[in-house]
Protein backbone atom coordinates (compact mmCIF):
# COMPACT_ATOMS: atom_id res chain seq x y z
CA MET A 1 -0.14 -0.25 -0.17
CA ILE A 2 0.99 3.24 -0.76
CA GLU A 3 1.61 5.79 2.15
CA ARG A 4 -0.38 8.95 1.97
CA ILE A 5 1.21 10.73 4.46
CA GLN A 6 0.77 14.29 2.74
CA ASP A 7 -2.67 13.83 1.82
CA ILE A 8 -4.20 12.45 4.95
CA SER A 9 -2.44 15.60 6.80
CA ALA A 10 -4.21 18.06 4.05
CA ILE A 11 -7.61 15.90 4.64
CA ARG A 12 -7.34 16.36 8.41
CA LYS A 13 -6.59 20.21 7.88
CA MET A 14 -9.34 20.53 5.64
CA LEU A 15 -12.00 18.88 7.97
CA ASP A 16 -10.55 21.19 10.83
CA PHE A 17 -11.60 23.81 8.68
CA PHE A 18 -14.65 22.50 6.99
CA PRO A 19 -17.86 20.49 8.09
CA ALA A 20 -17.58 18.47 4.83
CA THR A 21 -14.69 17.67 2.58
CA ALA A 22 -14.63 15.54 -0.23
CA ILE A 23 -11.61 13.17 -1.83
CA LEU A 24 -11.68 13.34 -5.09
CA GLY A 25 -9.65 11.67 -8.02
CA ALA A 26 -9.55 8.86 -10.76
CA ARG A 27 -11.03 5.53 -10.40
CA GLN A 28 -8.43 3.03 -8.21
CA CYS A 29 -6.55 5.63 -7.03
CA GLY A 30 -6.72 5.32 -3.12
CA LYS A 31 -9.67 7.50 -2.03
CA THR A 32 -11.64 4.83 -0.47
CA THR A 33 -8.40 3.43 1.37
CA ILE A 34 -7.69 7.00 2.57
CA ALA A 35 -11.02 7.37 4.15
CA ARG A 36 -10.97 4.25 5.67
CA GLN A 37 -7.85 5.38 7.44
CA PHE A 38 -9.83 8.08 9.27
CA PHE A 39 -11.71 5.79 11.52
CA ALA A 40 -15.07 7.76 11.39
CA GLN A 41 -17.72 6.92 13.87
CA HIS A 42 -20.14 5.87 10.87
CA TYR A 43 -19.09 5.04 7.60
CA PHE A 44 -21.20 4.13 4.66
CA ASP A 45 -20.52 2.86 1.34
CA LEU A 46 -23.12 3.24 -1.52
CA GLU A 47 -21.77 0.34 -3.59
CA ASN A 48 -22.90 -1.70 -0.55
CA PRO A 49 -26.89 -2.76 -0.70
CA LEU A 50 -27.12 -2.45 3.16
CA ASP A 51 -25.43 0.86 3.71
CA LEU A 52 -28.03 2.10 0.62
CA ALA A 53 -30.94 0.30 2.52
CA ARG A 54 -29.74 2.26 5.29
CA LEU A 55 -30.31 5.46 3.23
CA GLU A 56 -33.10 5.26 2.20
CA ASN A 57 -34.60 7.85 4.53
CA PRO A 58 -31.34 9.70 4.54
CA GLN A 59 -32.59 12.55 7.38
CA LEU A 60 -33.40 9.79 9.81
CA THR A 61 -30.66 8.03 9.38
CA LEU A 62 -28.21 10.78 9.45
CA GLU A 63 -29.89 13.67 11.60
CA PRO A 64 -29.11 11.61 14.85
CA LEU A 65 -25.28 10.98 14.39
CA ASP A 66 -22.67 12.86 15.65
CA GLY A 67 -18.62 12.96 14.95
CA LEU A 68 -17.10 12.30 11.28
CA ILE A 69 -19.56 10.76 9.02
CA VAL A 70 -17.99 9.17 5.71
CA ILE A 71 -20.42 8.63 2.64
CA ASP A 72 -18.16 6.55 0.20
CA LYS A 73 -19.31 6.63 -3.10
CA VAL A 74 -22.00 9.89 -2.77
CA GLN A 75 -22.07 10.59 -6.43
CA ARG A 76 -24.41 7.54 -6.41
CA ARG A 77 -26.86 9.69 -4.09
CA ALA A 78 -26.33 13.06 -5.40
CA ASP A 79 -29.85 13.68 -4.05
CA LEU A 80 -28.41 13.98 -0.69
CA PHE A 81 -26.20 17.02 -0.79
CA PRO A 82 -29.16 19.52 -0.01
CA LEU A 83 -29.71 17.22 2.75
CA LEU A 84 -26.08 17.16 4.08
CA ARG A 85 -25.94 21.39 3.97
CA VAL A 86 -29.16 21.44 6.03
CA LEU A 87 -27.77 18.96 8.44
CA ILE A 88 -24.42 20.80 8.62
CA ASP A 89 -26.02 23.85 9.35
CA GLN A 90 -27.87 22.17 12.17
CA LYS A 91 -24.98 21.00 13.81
CA PRO A 92 -21.48 22.28 12.60
CA SER A 93 -19.79 20.17 15.03
CA ARG A 94 -20.93 16.83 12.82
CA LYS A 95 -18.22 16.15 9.91
CA PHE A 96 -18.92 14.47 6.45
């Protein structure tokens, strides 16, 4: 595995400043691997049918959560973005 010390450091700094941070890159470049290294309190993989089902009613699922929430492959549910803004505005300590 390629160590991504600089990438992880940069993401940590972004999470300190912003309640939502995206990891962008080409397919198979290590985005999921990096995201898993943050040991989020809540992790959703939208290629996993169980996690997709958990987010059928995303507001009920996400609203009570605290801490770092990772939504891997969030582009599969673009309808989540307006809700994420609402949730962040309600509770800025929640991180995505």
